[in-house]
C-alpha atoms as a PDB file:
ATOM      1  CA  UNK A   1      -4.847   2.649 -10.885  1.00  0.00           C
ATOM      2  CA  UNK A   2      -4.606   6.330  -9.863  1.00  0.00           C
ATOM      3  CA  UNK A   3      -2.454   6.884 -12.954  1.00  0.00           C
ATOM      4  CA  UNK A   4      -5.105   5.264 -15.129  1.00  0.00           C
ATOM      5  CA  UNK A   5      -7.775   7.498 -13.629  1.00  0.00           C
ATOM      6  CA  UNK A   6      -5.638  10.585 -14.342  1.00  0.00           C
ATOM      7  CA  UNK A   7      -5.259   9.485 -17.953  1.00  0.00           C
ATOM      8  CA  UNK A   8      -9.035   9.000 -18.119  1.00  0.00           C
ATOM      9  CA  UNK A   9      -9.628  12.593 -17.001  1.00  0.00           C
ATOM     10  CA  UNK A  10      -7.016  13.926 -19.422  1.00  0.00           C
ATOM     11  CA  UNK A  11      -8.845  12.164 -22.238  1.00  0.00           C
ATOM     12  CA  UNK A  12     -12.096  13.883 -21.303  1.00  0.00           C
ATOM     13  CA  UNK A  13     -10.321  17.247 -21.225  1.00  0.00           C
ATOM     14  CA  UNK A  14      -8.866  16.491 -24.654  1.00  0.00           C
ATOM     15  CA  UNK A  15     -12.290  15.897 -26.196  1.00  0.00           C
ATOM     16  CA  UNK A  16     -13.651  19.054 -24.596  1.00  0.00           C
ATOM     17  CA  UNK A  17     -10.750  21.077 -25.982  1.00  0.00           C
ATOM     18  CA  UNK A  18     -11.260  19.548 -29.401  1.00  0.00           C
ATOM     19  CA  UNK A  19     -14.981  20.282 -29.257  1.00  0.00           C
ATOM     20  CA  UNK A  20     -14.527  23.916 -28.432  1.00  0.00           C
ATOM     21  CA  UNK A  21     -11.731  24.383 -30.967  1.00  0.00           C
ATOM     22  CA  UNK A  22     -14.134  23.235 -33.704  1.00  0.00           C
ATOM     23  CA  UNK A  23     -16.848  25.685 -32.748  1.00  0.00           C
ATOM     24  CA  UNK A  24     -17.224  28.926 -34.662  1.00  0.00           C
ATOM     25  CA  UNK A  25     -15.559  31.725 -32.721  1.00  0.00           C
ATOM     26  CA  UNK A  26     -16.873  35.278 -32.743  1.00  0.00           C
ATOM     27  CA  UNK A  27     -14.274  37.354 -34.580  1.00  0.00           C
ATOM     28  CA  UNK A  28     -13.052  40.427 -32.749  1.00  0.00           C
ATOM     29  CA  UNK A  29     -10.737  42.394 -34.953  1.00  0.00           C
ATOM     30  CA  UNK A  30      -8.771  43.842 -32.087  1.00  0.00           C
ATOM     31  CA  UNK A  31      -8.959  44.793 -28.474  1.00  0.00           C
ATOM     32  CA  UNK A  32      -6.838  47.648 -27.243  1.00  0.00           C
ATOM     33  CA  UNK A  33      -5.688  47.242 -23.669  1.00  0.00           C
ATOM     34  CA  UNK A  34      -2.593  49.010 -22.376  1.00  0.00           C
ATOM     35  CA  UNK A  35      -1.583  49.708 -25.970  1.00  0.00           C
ATOM     36  CA  UNK A  36      -1.550  46.002 -26.980  1.00  0.00           C
ATOM     37  CA  UNK A  37      -3.573  44.822 -29.988  1.00  0.00           C
ATOM     38  CA  UNK A  38      -4.441  41.123 -30.277  1.00  0.00           C
ATOM     39  CA  UNK A  39      -6.756  38.830 -32.231  1.00  0.00           C
ATOM     40  CA  UNK A  40      -9.143  36.681 -30.187  1.00  0.00           C
ATOM     41  CA  UNK A  41      -9.357  34.062 -32.985  1.00  0.00           C
ATOM     42  CA  UNK A  42      -5.574  33.717 -33.175  1.00  0.00           C
ATOM     43  CA  UNK A  43      -5.339  33.238 -29.425  1.00  0.00           C
ATOM     44  CA  UNK A  44      -7.971  30.463 -29.422  1.00  0.00           C
ATOM     45  CA  UNK A  45      -6.318  28.590 -32.288  1.00  0.00           C
ATOM     46  CA  UNK A  46      -2.878  28.856 -30.681  1.00  0.00           C
ATOM     47  CA  UNK A  47      -4.050  27.531 -27.311  1.00  0.00           C
ATOM     48  CA  UNK A  48      -6.021  24.646 -28.836  1.00  0.00           C
ATOM     49  CA  UNK A  49      -3.149  23.599 -31.095  1.00  0.00           C
ATOM     50  CA  UNK A  50      -0.683  23.447 -28.225  1.00  0.00           C
ATOM     51  CA  UNK A  51      -3.177  21.628 -25.988  1.00  0.00           C
ATOM     52  CA  UNK A  52      -3.889  18.977 -28.596  1.00  0.00           C
ATOM     53  CA  UNK A  53      -0.171  18.428 -29.140  1.00  0.00           C
ATOM     54  CA  UNK A  54       0.472  18.173 -25.390  1.00  0.00           C
ATOM     55  CA  UNK A  55      -2.327  15.708 -24.710  1.00  0.00           C
ATOM     56  CA  UNK A  56      -1.917  13.555 -27.843  1.00  0.00           C
ATOM     57  CA  UNK A  57       0.384  10.904 -26.297  1.00  0.00           C
ATOM     58  CA  UNK A  58      -1.856  10.627 -23.233  1.00  0.00           C
ATOM     59  CA  UNK A  59      -4.917  10.216 -25.443  1.00  0.00           C
ATOM     60  CA  UNK A  60      -3.254   7.336 -27.275  1.00  0.00           C
ATOM     61  CA  UNK A  61      -2.426   5.615 -23.975  1.00  0.00           C
ATOM     62  CA  UNK A  62      -5.929   6.330 -22.667  1.00  0.00           C
ATOM     63  CA  UNK A  63      -7.597   4.710 -25.664  1.00  0.00           C
ATOM     64  CA  UNK A  64      -5.402   1.635 -25.330  1.00  0.00           C
ATOM     65  CA  UNK A  65      -6.090   1.195 -21.608  1.00  0.00           C
ATOM     66  CA  UNK A  66      -9.825   1.826 -21.413  1.00  0.00           C
ATOM     67  CA  UNK A  67     -10.561  -0.338 -24.452  1.00  0.00           C
ATOM     68  CA  UNK A  68      -8.844  -3.410 -22.949  1.00  0.00           C
ATOM     69  CA  UNK A  69     -11.346  -6.275 -22.674  1.00  0.00           C
ATOM     70  CA  UNK A  70     -11.038  -7.819 -19.216  1.00  0.00           C
ATOM     71  CA  UNK A  71     -14.153 -10.011 -19.001  1.00  0.00           C
ATOM     72  CA  UNK A  72     -17.172 -11.440 -20.793  1.00  0.00           C
ATOM     73  CA  UNK A  73     -20.704 -11.699 -19.451  1.00  0.00           C
ATOM     74  CA  UNK A  74     -23.536 -13.982 -20.519  1.00  0.00           C
ATOM     75  CA  UNK A  75     -26.086 -11.332 -19.550  1.00  0.00           C
ATOM     76  CA  UNK A  76     -26.324  -7.542 -19.140  1.00  0.00           C
ATOM     77  CA  UNK A  77     -25.835  -6.581 -15.480  1.00  0.00           C
ATOM     78  CA  UNK A  78     -27.863  -3.891 -13.701  1.00  0.00           C
ATOM     79  CA  UNK A  79     -28.221  -2.830 -10.082  1.00  0.00           C
ATOM     80  CA  UNK A  80     -31.590  -3.385  -8.429  1.00  0.00           C
ATOM     81  CA  UNK A  81     -33.297  -3.608  -5.009  1.00  0.00           C
ATOM     82  CA  UNK A  82     -33.321  -5.513  -2.745  1.00  0.00           C
ATOM     83  CA  UNK A  83     -30.531  -7.421  -4.505  1.00  0.00           C
ATOM     84  CA  UNK A  84     -29.353  -8.096  -8.063  1.00  0.00           C
ATOM     85  CA  UNK A  85     -26.724 -10.166  -9.873  1.00  0.00           C
ATOM     86  CA  UNK A  86     -24.582  -7.030 -10.281  1.00  0.00           C
ATOM     87  CA  UNK A  87     -24.717  -5.916  -6.637  1.00  0.00           C
ATOM     88  CA  UNK A  88     -24.151  -9.499  -5.458  1.00  0.00           C
ATOM     89  CA  UNK A  89     -21.164  -9.886  -7.773  1.00  0.00           C
ATOM     90  CA  UNK A  90     -19.642  -6.630  -6.570  1.00  0.00           C
ATOM     91  CA  UNK A  91     -20.082  -7.503  -2.886  1.00  0.00           C
ATOM     92  CA  UNK A  92     -18.691 -11.011  -3.370  1.00  0.00           C
ATOM     93  CA  UNK A  93     -15.626  -9.703  -5.226  1.00  0.00           C
ATOM     94  CA  UNK A  94     -14.779  -7.132  -2.555  1.00  0.00           C
ATOM     95  CA  UNK A  95     -15.272  -9.599   0.318  1.00  0.00           C
ATOM     96  CA  UNK A  96     -13.230 -12.417  -1.253  1.00  0.00           C
ATOM     97  CA  UNK A  97     -10.407 -10.181  -2.472  1.00  0.00           C
ATOM     98  CA  UNK A  98     -10.221  -8.375   0.868  1.00  0.00           C
ATOM     99  CA  UNK A  99     -10.122 -11.638   2.804  1.00  0.00           C
ATOM    100  CA  UNK A 100      -7.331 -12.959   0.585  1.00  0.00           C
ATOM    101  CA  UNK A 101      -5.166  -9.962   1.559  1.00  0.00           C
ATOM    102  CA  UNK A 102      -6.431  -9.700   5.137  1.00  0.00           C
ATOM    103  CA  UNK A 103      -5.742 -13.368   5.826  1.00  0.00           C
ATOM    104  CA  UNK A 104      -2.202 -13.152   4.450  1.00  0.00           C
ATOM    105  CA  UNK A 105      -1.408 -10.138   6.658  1.00  0.00           C
ATOM    106  CA  UNK A 106      -3.377 -10.760   9.856  1.00  0.00           C
ATOM    107  CA  UNK A 107      -4.174 -14.482   9.616  1.00  0.00           C
ATOM    108  CA  UNK A 108      -7.829 -13.514  10.006  1.00  0.00           C
ATOM    109  CA  UNK A 109     -10.889 -12.976   7.822  1.00  0.00           C
ATOM    110  CA  UNK A 110     -13.774 -10.533   7.798  1.00  0.00           C
ATOM    111  CA  UNK A 111     -17.304 -11.769   8.452  1.00  0.00           C
ATOM    112  CA  UNK A 112     -19.266  -9.817   5.847  1.00  0.00           C
ATOM    113  CA  UNK A 113     -19.237  -6.860   3.468  1.00  0.00           C
ATOM    114  CA  UNK A 114     -21.526  -3.858   2.991  1.00  0.00           C
ATOM    115  CA  UNK A 115     -21.136  -1.223   0.260  1.00  0.00           C
ATOM    116  CA  UNK A 116     -23.410   1.599  -0.822  1.00  0.00           C
ATOM    117  CA  UNK A 117     -25.834   0.875  -3.635  1.00  0.00           C
ATOM    118  CA  UNK A 118     -25.503   4.350  -5.124  1.00  0.00           C
ATOM    119  CA  UNK A 119     -21.754   3.916  -5.478  1.00  0.00           C
ATOM    120  CA  UNK A 120     -22.653   2.001  -8.640  1.00  0.00           C
ATOM    121  CA  UNK A 121     -23.162   4.583 -11.392  1.00  0.00           C
ATOM    122  CA  UNK A 122     -23.698   2.373 -14.397  1.00  0.00           C
ATOM    123  CA  UNK A 123     -24.352  -1.128 -15.717  1.00  0.00           C
ATOM    124  CA  UNK A 124     -22.259  -3.739 -17.503  1.00  0.00           C
ATOM    125  CA  UNK A 125     -23.062  -4.971 -21.015  1.00  0.00           C
ATOM    126  CA  UNK A 126     -23.665  -8.477 -22.249  1.00  0.00           C
ATOM    127  CA  UNK A 127     -20.551  -9.737 -24.024  1.00  0.00           C
ATOM    128  CA  UNK A 128     -17.194  -7.974 -23.768  1.00  0.00           C
ATOM    129  CA  UNK A 129     -16.518  -5.809 -20.708  1.00  0.00           C
ATOM    130  CA  UNK A 130     -13.706  -3.247 -20.883  1.00  0.00           C
ATOM    131  CA  UNK A 131     -11.684  -1.304 -18.339  1.00  0.00           C
ATOM    132  CA  UNK A 132     -13.650   1.761 -19.440  1.00  0.00           C
ATOM    133  CA  UNK A 133     -16.926   0.033 -18.514  1.00  0.00           C
ATOM    134  CA  UNK A 134     -15.624  -0.513 -14.972  1.00  0.00           C
ATOM    135  CA  UNK A 135     -14.532   3.127 -14.634  1.00  0.00           C
ATOM    136  CA  UNK A 136     -17.970   4.296 -15.753  1.00  0.00           C
ATOM    137  CA  UNK A 137     -19.691   1.927 -13.334  1.00  0.00           C
ATOM    138  CA  UNK A 138     -17.380   2.708 -10.403  1.00  0.00           C
ATOM    139  CA  UNK A 139     -16.045   6.266 -10.812  1.00  0.00           C
ATOM    140  CA  UNK A 140     -15.085   6.815  -7.166  1.00  0.00           C
ATOM    141  CA  UNK A 141     -11.690   6.077  -5.602  1.00  0.00           C
ATOM    142  CA  UNK A 142     -12.995   4.758  -2.281  1.00  0.00           C
ATOM    143  CA  UNK A 143     -10.516   2.632  -0.329  1.00  0.00           C
ATOM    144  CA  UNK A 144     -11.413  -0.653   1.377  1.00  0.00           C
ATOM    145  CA  UNK A 145     -11.546  -0.722   5.181  1.00  0.00           C
ATOM    146  CA  UNK A 146     -12.062  -3.588   7.641  1.00  0.00           C
ATOM    147  CA  UNK A 147     -13.917  -2.433  10.759  1.00  0.00           C
ATOM    148  CA  UNK A 148     -14.198  -4.347  14.008  1.00  0.00           C
ATOM    149  CA  UNK A 149     -17.579  -3.381  15.461  1.00  0.00           C
ATOM    150  CA  UNK A 150     -19.861  -4.435  18.298  1.00  0.00           C
ATOM    151  CA  UNK A 151     -23.104  -6.337  17.856  1.00  0.00           C
ATOM    152  CA  UNK A 152     -25.057  -3.191  18.679  1.00  0.00           C
ATOM    153  CA  UNK A 153     -23.527  -1.383  15.695  1.00  0.00           C
ATOM    154  CA  UNK A 154     -24.221  -4.391  13.469  1.00  0.00           C
ATOM    155  CA  UNK A 155     -27.855  -4.344  14.579  1.00  0.00           C
ATOM    156  CA  UNK A 156     -28.102  -0.635  13.709  1.00  0.00           C
ATOM    157  CA  UNK A 157     -26.486  -1.361  10.359  1.00  0.00           C
ATOM    158  CA  UNK A 158     -29.050  -4.011   9.402  1.00  0.00           C
ATOM    159  CA  UNK A 159     -31.918  -1.786  10.534  1.00  0.00           C
ATOM    160  CA  UNK A 160     -30.512   0.879   8.226  1.00  0.00           C
ATOM    161  CA  UNK A 161     -30.116  -1.580   5.346  1.00  0.00           C
ATOM    162  CA  UNK A 162     -33.703  -2.769   5.688  1.00  0.00           C
ATOM    163  CA  UNK A 163     -35.007   0.808   5.783  1.00  0.00           C
ATOM    164  CA  UNK A 164     -33.207   1.434   2.470  1.00  0.00           C
ATOM    165  CA  UNK A 165     -34.639  -1.671   0.748  1.00  0.00           C
ATOM    166  CA  UNK A 166     -31.175  -3.187   0.732  1.00  0.00           C
ATOM    167  CA  UNK A 167     -27.667  -2.077  -0.129  1.00  0.00           C
ATOM    168  CA  UNK A 168     -24.752  -4.122  -1.519  1.00  0.00           C
ATOM    169  CA  UNK A 169     -23.995  -7.037   0.810  1.00  0.00           C
ATOM    170  CA  UNK A 170     -21.941 -10.237   0.852  1.00  0.00           C
ATOM    171  CA  UNK A 171     -21.289 -12.890   3.481  1.00  0.00           C
ATOM    172  CA  UNK A 172     -24.687 -12.296   5.043  1.00  0.00           C
ATOM    173  CA  UNK A 173     -28.400 -12.586   4.386  1.00  0.00           C
ATOM    174  CA  UNK A 174     -31.569 -11.106   5.868  1.00  0.00           C
ATOM    175  CA  UNK A 175     -35.224 -10.457   5.180  1.00  0.00           C
ATOM    176  CA  UNK A 176     -36.995  -7.120   5.047  1.00  0.00           C
ATOM    177  CA  UNK A 177     -40.302  -7.077   6.886  1.00  0.00           C
ATOM    178  CA  UNK A 178     -42.103  -3.722   7.044  1.00  0.00           C
ATOM    179  CA  UNK A 179     -38.751  -1.933   6.683  1.00  0.00           C
ATOM    180  CA  UNK A 180     -37.184  -3.947   9.522  1.00  0.00           C
ATOM    181  CA  UNK A 181     -34.493  -6.668   9.304  1.00  0.00           C
ATOM    182  CA  UNK A 182     -35.623 -10.258   9.731  1.00  0.00           C
ATOM    183  CA  UNK A 183     -33.588 -13.426  10.362  1.00  0.00           C
ATOM    184  CA  UNK A 184     -30.099 -11.947  10.055  1.00  0.00           C
ATOM    185  CA  UNK A 185     -27.456 -14.531   9.129  1.00  0.00           C
ATOM    186  CA  UNK A 186     -23.772 -13.544   9.074  1.00  0.00           C
ATOM    187  CA  UNK A 187     -21.074 -15.892   7.834  1.00  0.00           C
ATOM    188  CA  UNK A 188     -23.607 -18.766   7.922  1.00  0.00           C
ATOM    189  CA  UNK A 189     -24.392 -18.186  11.623  1.00  0.00           C
ATOM    190  CA  UNK A 190     -27.391 -16.428  13.184  1.00  0.00           C
ATOM    191  CA  UNK A 191     -26.607 -12.879  14.266  1.00  0.00           C
ATOM    192  CA  UNK A 192     -25.410 -12.629  17.885  1.00  0.00           C
ATOM    193  CA  UNK A 193     -25.687  -9.147  19.398  1.00  0.00           C
ATOM    194  CA  UNK A 194     -23.133 -10.012  22.104  1.00  0.00           C
ATOM    195  CA  UNK A 195     -20.159 -10.702  19.827  1.00  0.00           C
ATOM    196  CA  UNK A 196     -17.781  -8.611  17.704  1.00  0.00           C
ATOM    197  CA  UNK A 197     -17.848  -8.634  13.905  1.00  0.00           C
ATOM    198  CA  UNK A 198     -15.369  -7.694  11.209  1.00  0.00           C
ATOM    199  CA  UNK A 199     -17.032  -5.704   8.444  1.00  0.00           C
ATOM    200  CA  UNK A 200     -15.553  -4.947   5.016  1.00  0.00           C
ATOM    201  CA  UNK A 201     -16.717  -1.596   3.690  1.00  0.00           C
ATOM    202  CA  UNK A 202     -15.494   1.567   1.966  1.00  0.00           C
ATOM    203  CA  UNK A 203     -13.688   4.410   3.699  1.00  0.00           C
ATOM    204  CA  UNK A 204     -16.635   6.606   2.660  1.00  0.00           C
ATOM    205  CA  UNK A 205     -19.125   4.560   4.696  1.00  0.00           C
ATOM    206  CA  UNK A 206     -16.596   3.980   7.493  1.00  0.00           C
ATOM    207  CA  UNK A 207     -16.426   7.754   7.919  1.00  0.00           C
ATOM    208  CA  UNK A 208     -20.205   7.932   8.345  1.00  0.00           C
ATOM    209  CA  UNK A 209     -21.140   8.553   4.706  1.00  0.00           C
ATOM    210  CA  UNK A 210     -24.754   7.961   3.606  1.00  0.00           C
ATOM    211  CA  UNK A 211     -25.767   8.649   7.235  1.00  0.00           C
ATOM    212  CA  UNK A 212     -24.055   5.474   8.502  1.00  0.00           C
ATOM    213  CA  UNK A 213     -22.734   7.361  11.523  1.00  0.00           C
ATOM    214  CA  UNK A 214     -22.899   4.179  13.615  1.00  0.00           C
ATOM    215  CA  UNK A 215     -19.822   2.959  11.679  1.00  0.00           C
ATOM    216  CA  UNK A 216     -17.702   6.041  12.361  1.00  0.00           C
ATOM    217  CA  UNK A 217     -16.487   4.923  15.803  1.00  0.00           C
ATOM    218  CA  UNK A 218     -15.370   1.272  15.467  1.00  0.00           C
ATOM    219  CA  UNK A 219     -13.266  -0.644  17.962  1.00  0.00           C
ATOM    220  CA  UNK A 220     -10.668  -1.036  15.224  1.00  0.00           C
ATOM    221  CA  UNK A 221     -10.204   0.184  11.657  1.00  0.00           C
ATOM    222  CA  UNK A 222      -7.744  -1.437   9.251  1.00  0.00           C
ATOM    223  CA  UNK A 223      -7.182   0.143   5.848  1.00  0.00           C
ATOM    224  CA  UNK A 224      -6.636  -2.102   2.830  1.00  0.00           C
ATOM    225  CA  UNK A 225      -4.641  -0.141   0.247  1.00  0.00           C
ATOM    226  CA  UNK A 226      -6.943  -0.948  -2.670  1.00  0.00           C
ATOM    227  CA  UNK A 227     -10.116   0.614  -3.944  1.00  0.00           C
ATOM    228  CA  UNK A 228     -13.241  -1.197  -5.077  1.00  0.00           C
ATOM    229  CA  UNK A 229     -12.526  -0.661  -8.751  1.00  0.00           C
ATOM    230  CA  UNK A 230      -9.025  -2.190  -8.424  1.00  0.00           C
ATOM    231  CA  UNK A 231     -10.512  -5.355  -6.972  1.00  0.00           C
ATOM    232  CA  UNK A 232     -13.152  -5.646  -9.699  1.00  0.00           C
ATOM    233  CA  UNK A 233     -10.637  -5.244 -12.519  1.00  0.00           C
ATOM    234  CA  UNK A 234      -8.227  -7.716 -10.898  1.00  0.00           C
ATOM    235  CA  UNK A 235     -10.981 -10.283 -10.369  1.00  0.00           C
ATOM    236  CA  UNK A 236     -12.334 -10.004 -13.904  1.00  0.00           C
ATOM    237  CA  UNK A 237      -8.909 -10.364 -15.480  1.00  0.00           C
ATOM    238  CA  UNK A 238      -8.321 -13.455 -13.369  1.00  0.00           C
ATOM    239  CA  UNK A 239     -11.659 -15.010 -14.365  1.00  0.00           C
ATOM    240  CA  UNK A 240     -10.999 -14.366 -18.025  1.00  0.00           C
ATOM    241  CA  UNK A 241      -7.529 -15.917 -17.789  1.00  0.00           C
ATOM    242  CA  UNK A 242      -9.270 -19.100 -16.594  1.00  0.00           C
ATOM    243  CA  UNK A 243     -11.782 -18.987 -19.448  1.00  0.00           C
ATOM    244  CA  UNK A 244     -14.675 -18.183 -17.095  1.00  0.00           C
ATOM    245  CA  UNK A 245     -17.576 -16.122 -18.424  1.00  0.00           C
ATOM    246  CA  UNK A 246     -19.486 -14.004 -15.881  1.00  0.00           C
ATOM    247  CA  UNK A 247     -23.006 -15.152 -15.081  1.00  0.00           C
ATOM    248  CA  UNK A 248     -23.834 -13.961 -11.540  1.00  0.00           C
ATOM    249  CA  UNK A 249     -27.232 -14.695  -9.995  1.00  0.00           C
ATOM    250  CA  UNK A 250     -29.634 -13.344  -7.435  1.00  0.00           C
ATOM    251  CA  UNK A 251     -29.605 -15.771  -4.506  1.00  0.00           C
ATOM    252  CA  UNK A 252     -32.096 -14.372  -1.963  1.00  0.00           C
ATOM    253  CA  UNK A 253     -29.409 -12.980   0.305  1.00  0.00           C
ATOM    254  CA  UNK A 254     -31.823 -10.062   0.687  1.00  0.00           C
ATOM    255  CA  UNK A 255     -35.542 -10.747   0.369  1.00  0.00           C
ATOM    256  CA  UNK A 256     -38.937  -9.332   1.282  1.00  0.00           C
ATOM    257  CA  UNK A 257     -41.021 -11.005   3.990  1.00  0.00           C
ATOM    258  CA  UNK A 258     -44.817 -10.691   3.809  1.00  0.00           C
END
């Protein structure tokens, strides 16, 4: 997937080069420096021509890869607070895919997943969804991490989540009452502050990103060598191979309490 991302960037550079090569250049007849005379226009044309030739095969591969249709959705998908079909789908994918790998390696599963809401930078359309749509929605290369943390850290995490009107979550539910968490349920069991929990998250949040400093000193940290985008693309391809059309729902995993 890193190779695909590199190709994606090269494609952007290509279009920028093409754009600037088509602009009218100011003509400078000559510029004498150390006895050398050169034409600015000739230099621009030469550089652009070579750049286009160099990048052409990458552009062709880029177009092929990002235009691949990997899923279909019955509805357009947007992020929203305190939860949304898109954020729920993303959390569920990361938790289930992580647990599939984690279980095969460690014979164990994580309890729940939390990701940052603002890591989503776009929406998904109704109908065909392409690889390019996923890259636009999830532009960051954050790796997946499983943290073993104490109940006290989990309590701080849910207080933070409630104060933010919800983030991306899976495997858990809670209410938000005057910016405080209410009735926390994790893995279908009421939250117990005395036990340890395994949390799936991104390396960005595990390092204290978005002010989640209470996650930066876990009892144990286990890196899963995938990023969020990899999991989403893998999951969507798998669903499509089974003839399944996406139609995620809001399910009150995060809700407001009056």
